[in-house]
Amino acid sequence: MNRLVLGAFCALVMVAVGLFWWQGRAAVERGAPPPEPAASSPDPNALPSANVADMRGPAPPEASELTREEQRFFRYDRDRDRRITRNEMMSTRTDGFRALDKDGNNLLTFEEWAVATSTRFSGMDSDGNGWLNPAEFATSAPRPAATPRCRC
């Protein structure tokens, strides 16, 4: 019986908190200014572009002489505090980024990404019909890691 009463009480508290949150959010949204009207572009199917000719991204860090295991560890440990955080683990995709950054300014434009994606698609579309069937799409799957034949 106590569990039933406690569960009902908790459910009522959660509903009350939800109502207060919802009413507070509605008041904030009511006082917000209306959104700016979107600028109409001449072609709604036009691809986005940016002028990054004068922009330059930060330089990549310099490598030093380390053992192979230290290099592997420090590839993830960016701040060299001997601890790998989740953000550090996820930020190691620089080689893939550099492959897409054709002009080398450490800024990836939509055009650079689109050229790489279009080239990849063209390579997978073996019959050149403009679409991928399941067999063509399967060629884009990552190669499985080699496994040793024996565990000696």
C-alpha atoms as a PDB file:
ATOM      1  CA  MET A   1       0.000   0.000   0.000  1.00  0.00           C
ATOM      2  CA  ASN A   2       2.852   2.387   0.838  1.00  0.00           C
ATOM      3  CA  ARG A   3       4.444   1.818  -2.576  1.00  0.00           C
ATOM      4  CA  LEU A   4       1.175   2.660  -4.300  1.00  0.00           C
ATOM      5  CA  VAL A   5       0.767   5.908  -2.370  1.00  0.00           C
ATOM      6  CA  LEU A   6       4.405   6.849  -2.907  1.00  0.00           C
ATOM      7  CA  GLY A   7       4.154   6.106  -6.648  1.00  0.00           C
ATOM      8  CA  ALA A   8       0.997   8.207  -6.992  1.00  0.00           C
ATOM      9  CA  PHE A   9       2.636  11.068  -5.070  1.00  0.00           C
ATOM     10  CA  CYS A  10       5.743  10.954  -7.283  1.00  0.00           C
ATOM     11  CA  ALA A  11       3.603  10.918 -10.427  1.00  0.00           C
ATOM     12  CA  LEU A  12       1.684  14.002  -9.233  1.00  0.00           C
ATOM     13  CA  VAL A  13       4.927  15.817  -8.425  1.00  0.00           C
ATOM     14  CA  MET A  14       6.304  15.013 -11.884  1.00  0.00           C
ATOM     15  CA  VAL A  15       3.116  16.271 -13.552  1.00  0.00           C
ATOM     16  CA  ALA A  16       3.277  19.483 -11.491  1.00  0.00           C
ATOM     17  CA  VAL A  17       6.928  20.067 -12.399  1.00  0.00           C
ATOM     18  CA  GLY A  18       6.118  19.455 -16.068  1.00  0.00           C
ATOM     19  CA  LEU A  19       3.256  21.955 -15.992  1.00  0.00           C
ATOM     20  CA  PHE A  20       5.404  24.628 -14.345  1.00  0.00           C
ATOM     21  CA  TRP A  21       8.180  24.065 -16.876  1.00  0.00           C
ATOM     22  CA  TRP A  22       5.747  24.164 -19.787  1.00  0.00           C
ATOM     23  CA  GLN A  23       4.083  27.375 -18.551  1.00  0.00           C
ATOM     24  CA  GLY A  24       7.461  29.041 -17.987  1.00  0.00           C
ATOM     25  CA  ARG A  25       8.627  28.133 -21.473  1.00  0.00           C
ATOM     26  CA  ALA A  26       5.396  29.430 -23.000  1.00  0.00           C
ATOM     27  CA  ALA A  27       5.904  32.776 -21.209  1.00  0.00           C
ATOM     28  CA  VAL A  28       9.459  33.064 -22.532  1.00  0.00           C
ATOM     29  CA  GLU A  29       8.378  32.210 -26.077  1.00  0.00           C
ATOM     30  CA  ARG A  30       5.502  34.685 -25.891  1.00  0.00           C
ATOM     31  CA  GLY A  31       7.935  37.530 -25.060  1.00  0.00           C
ATOM     32  CA  ALA A  32      10.446  36.594 -27.744  1.00  0.00           C
ATOM     33  CA  PRO A  33      10.688  38.750 -30.862  1.00  0.00           C
ATOM     34  CA  PRO A  34       9.288  37.290 -34.079  1.00  0.00           C
ATOM     35  CA  PRO A  35      11.805  35.513 -36.294  1.00  0.00           C
ATOM     36  CA  GLU A  36      13.479  37.437 -39.101  1.00  0.00           C
ATOM     37  CA  PRO A  37      11.954  36.779 -42.525  1.00  0.00           C
ATOM     38  CA  ALA A  38      14.160  34.510 -44.599  1.00  0.00           C
ATOM     39  CA  ALA A  39      15.956  36.195 -47.463  1.00  0.00           C
ATOM     40  CA  SER A  40      14.552  34.850 -50.678  1.00  0.00           C
ATOM     41  CA  SER A  41      17.223  33.434 -52.958  1.00  0.00           C
ATOM     42  CA  PRO A  42      16.762  33.516 -56.731  1.00  0.00           C
ATOM     43  CA  ASP A  43      17.134  29.731 -56.998  1.00  0.00           C
ATOM     44  CA  PRO A  44      15.676  27.638 -54.144  1.00  0.00           C
ATOM     45  CA  ASN A  45      17.729  24.625 -55.302  1.00  0.00           C
ATOM     46  CA  ALA A  46      21.033  26.539 -55.231  1.00  0.00           C
ATOM     47  CA  LEU A  47      23.805  25.040 -53.107  1.00  0.00           C
ATOM     48  CA  PRO A  48      25.117  27.118 -50.183  1.00  0.00           C
ATOM     49  CA  SER A  49      28.496  28.764 -50.632  1.00  0.00           C
ATOM     50  CA  ALA A  50      30.921  30.792 -48.542  1.00  0.00           C
ATOM     51  CA  ASN A  51      33.785  33.125 -49.345  1.00  0.00           C
ATOM     52  CA  VAL A  52      36.687  31.761 -47.295  1.00  0.00           C
ATOM     53  CA  ALA A  53      39.516  33.132 -49.436  1.00  0.00           C
ATOM     54  CA  ASP A  54      40.835  35.441 -46.675  1.00  0.00           C
ATOM     55  CA  MET A  55      40.146  33.079 -43.762  1.00  0.00           C
ATOM     56  CA  ARG A  56      42.768  30.777 -42.256  1.00  0.00           C
ATOM     57  CA  GLY A  57      42.168  28.122 -39.612  1.00  0.00           C
ATOM     58  CA  PRO A  58      44.543  27.255 -36.765  1.00  0.00           C
ATOM     59  CA  ALA A  59      47.740  25.390 -37.572  1.00  0.00           C
ATOM     60  CA  PRO A  60      47.857  21.690 -36.640  1.00  0.00           C
ATOM     61  CA  PRO A  61      50.113  20.718 -33.698  1.00  0.00           C
ATOM     62  CA  GLU A  62      53.689  19.651 -34.377  1.00  0.00           C
ATOM     63  CA  ALA A  63      54.726  16.039 -33.715  1.00  0.00           C
ATOM     64  CA  SER A  64      57.694  15.082 -31.531  1.00  0.00           C
ATOM     65  CA  GLU A  65      59.788  11.906 -31.118  1.00  0.00           C
ATOM     66  CA  LEU A  66      57.702   9.473 -29.059  1.00  0.00           C
ATOM     67  CA  THR A  67      57.465   5.714 -28.777  1.00  0.00           C
ATOM     68  CA  ARG A  68      54.822   4.002 -30.838  1.00  0.00           C
ATOM     69  CA  GLU A  69      52.527   3.477 -27.840  1.00  0.00           C
ATOM     70  CA  GLU A  70      52.986   7.086 -26.682  1.00  0.00           C
ATOM     71  CA  GLN A  71      52.136   8.297 -30.167  1.00  0.00           C
ATOM     72  CA  ARG A  72      49.011   6.188 -30.167  1.00  0.00           C
ATOM     73  CA  PHE A  73      48.037   7.423 -26.686  1.00  0.00           C
ATOM     74  CA  PHE A  74      48.809  11.083 -27.410  1.00  0.00           C
ATOM     75  CA  ARG A  75      46.877  10.882 -30.673  1.00  0.00           C
ATOM     76  CA  TYR A  76      43.833  10.977 -28.396  1.00  0.00           C
ATOM     77  CA  ASP A  77      45.245  12.890 -25.374  1.00  0.00           C
ATOM     78  CA  ARG A  78      45.379  16.378 -26.911  1.00  0.00           C
ATOM     79  CA  ASP A  79      46.157  18.363 -23.745  1.00  0.00           C
ATOM     80  CA  ARG A  80      48.871  15.902 -22.567  1.00  0.00           C
ATOM     81  CA  ASP A  81      47.362  15.488 -19.105  1.00  0.00           C
ATOM     82  CA  ARG A  82      47.728  11.687 -19.352  1.00  0.00           C
ATOM     83  CA  ARG A  83      43.941  11.306 -19.403  1.00  0.00           C
ATOM     84  CA  ILE A  84      41.748  10.795 -22.465  1.00  0.00           C
ATOM     85  CA  THR A  85      38.349  12.461 -22.231  1.00  0.00           C
ATOM     86  CA  ARG A  86      35.367  11.658 -24.412  1.00  0.00           C
ATOM     87  CA  ASN A  87      35.833  14.872 -26.421  1.00  0.00           C
ATOM     88  CA  GLU A  88      39.496  14.070 -27.020  1.00  0.00           C
ATOM     89  CA  MET A  89      38.601  10.576 -28.181  1.00  0.00           C
ATOM     90  CA  MET A  90      36.110  11.944 -30.713  1.00  0.00           C
ATOM     91  CA  SER A  91      38.362  14.729 -32.061  1.00  0.00           C
ATOM     92  CA  THR A  92      40.904  12.511 -33.787  1.00  0.00           C
ATOM     93  CA  ARG A  93      39.402  12.616 -37.261  1.00  0.00           C
ATOM     94  CA  THR A  94      41.978  15.097 -38.596  1.00  0.00           C
ATOM     95  CA  ASP A  95      43.260  12.849 -41.395  1.00  0.00           C
ATOM     96  CA  GLY A  96      39.762  12.528 -42.832  1.00  0.00           C
ATOM     97  CA  PHE A  97      39.265  16.261 -42.463  1.00  0.00           C
ATOM     98  CA  ARG A  98      42.563  17.086 -44.181  1.00  0.00           C
ATOM     99  CA  ALA A  99      41.657  14.785 -47.055  1.00  0.00           C
ATOM    100  CA  LEU A 100      38.472  16.809 -47.608  1.00  0.00           C
ATOM    101  CA  ASP A 101      40.143  20.235 -47.061  1.00  0.00           C
ATOM    102  CA  LYS A 102      41.593  20.629 -50.559  1.00  0.00           C
ATOM    103  CA  ASP A 103      42.838  24.236 -50.233  1.00  0.00           C
ATOM    104  CA  GLY A 104      44.590  23.551 -46.897  1.00  0.00           C
ATOM    105  CA  ASN A 105      43.120  26.482 -44.935  1.00  0.00           C
ATOM    106  CA  ASN A 106      41.717  24.243 -42.146  1.00  0.00           C
ATOM    107  CA  LEU A 107      38.166  25.300 -43.063  1.00  0.00           C
ATOM    108  CA  LEU A 108      35.866  22.851 -44.825  1.00  0.00           C
ATOM    109  CA  THR A 109      33.495  24.496 -47.273  1.00  0.00           C
ATOM    110  CA  PHE A 110      30.397  22.880 -48.661  1.00  0.00           C
ATOM    111  CA  GLU A 111      31.977  22.777 -52.108  1.00  0.00           C
ATOM    112  CA  GLU A 112      34.987  20.783 -50.825  1.00  0.00           C
ATOM    113  CA  TRP A 113      32.687  18.295 -49.113  1.00  0.00           C
ATOM    114  CA  ALA A 114      30.400  18.062 -52.145  1.00  0.00           C
ATOM    115  CA  VAL A 115      33.286  17.348 -54.536  1.00  0.00           C
ATOM    116  CA  ALA A 116      34.572  14.528 -52.307  1.00  0.00           C
ATOM    117  CA  THR A 117      31.087  13.055 -51.900  1.00  0.00           C
ATOM    118  CA  SER A 118      30.334  13.294 -55.615  1.00  0.00           C
ATOM    119  CA  THR A 119      33.659  11.642 -56.480  1.00  0.00           C
ATOM    120  CA  ARG A 120      32.949   8.823 -54.019  1.00  0.00           C
ATOM    121  CA  PHE A 121      29.458   8.343 -55.442  1.00  0.00           C
ATOM    122  CA  SER A 122      30.809   8.234 -58.999  1.00  0.00           C
ATOM    123  CA  GLY A 123      33.329   5.591 -57.970  1.00  0.00           C
ATOM    124  CA  MET A 124      30.597   3.411 -56.452  1.00  0.00           C
ATOM    125  CA  ASP A 125      28.188   3.847 -59.416  1.00  0.00           C
ATOM    126  CA  SER A 126      29.897   1.274 -61.643  1.00  0.00           C
ATOM    127  CA  ASP A 127      27.240   1.235 -64.372  1.00  0.00           C
ATOM    128  CA  GLY A 128      26.953   5.058 -64.474  1.00  0.00           C
ATOM    129  CA  ASN A 129      23.146   5.212 -64.312  1.00  0.00           C
ATOM    130  CA  GLY A 130      23.052   7.853 -61.544  1.00  0.00           C
ATOM    131  CA  TRP A 131      21.814   5.635 -58.726  1.00  0.00           C
ATOM    132  CA  LEU A 132      23.218   2.830 -56.559  1.00  0.00           C
ATOM    133  CA  ASN A 133      21.760  -0.645 -56.365  1.00  0.00           C
ATOM    134  CA  PRO A 134      22.469  -2.801 -53.281  1.00  0.00           C
ATOM    135  CA  ALA A 135      25.483  -4.478 -54.911  1.00  0.00           C
ATOM    136  CA  GLU A 136      27.053  -1.118 -55.816  1.00  0.00           C
ATOM    137  CA  PHE A 137      26.335   0.285 -52.355  1.00  0.00           C
ATOM    138  CA  ALA A 138      27.992  -2.760 -50.746  1.00  0.00           C
ATOM    139  CA  THR A 139      31.302  -1.692 -52.312  1.00  0.00           C
ATOM    140  CA  SER A 140      31.352   1.289 -49.919  1.00  0.00           C
ATOM    141  CA  ALA A 141      31.358  -0.904 -46.788  1.00  0.00           C
ATOM    142  CA  PRO A 142      34.509  -0.625 -44.653  1.00  0.00           C
ATOM    143  CA  ARG A 143      36.900  -3.519 -44.929  1.00  0.00           C
ATOM    144  CA  PRO A 144      36.827  -5.893 -41.929  1.00  0.00           C
ATOM    145  CA  ALA A 145      39.909  -5.931 -39.718  1.00  0.00           C
ATOM    146  CA  ALA A 146      42.312  -8.799 -40.312  1.00  0.00           C
ATOM    147  CA  THR A 147      42.117 -11.466 -37.635  1.00  0.00           C
ATOM    148  CA  PRO A 148      45.077 -13.717 -36.734  1.00  0.00           C
ATOM    149  CA  ARG A 149      44.820 -17.337 -37.812  1.00  0.00           C
ATOM    150  CA  CYS A 150      45.980 -18.742 -34.517  1.00  0.00           C
ATOM    151  CA  ARG A 151      46.118 -17.568 -30.936  1.00  0.00           C
ATOM    152  CA  CYS A 152      49.503 -18.790 -29.841  1.00  0.00           C
END
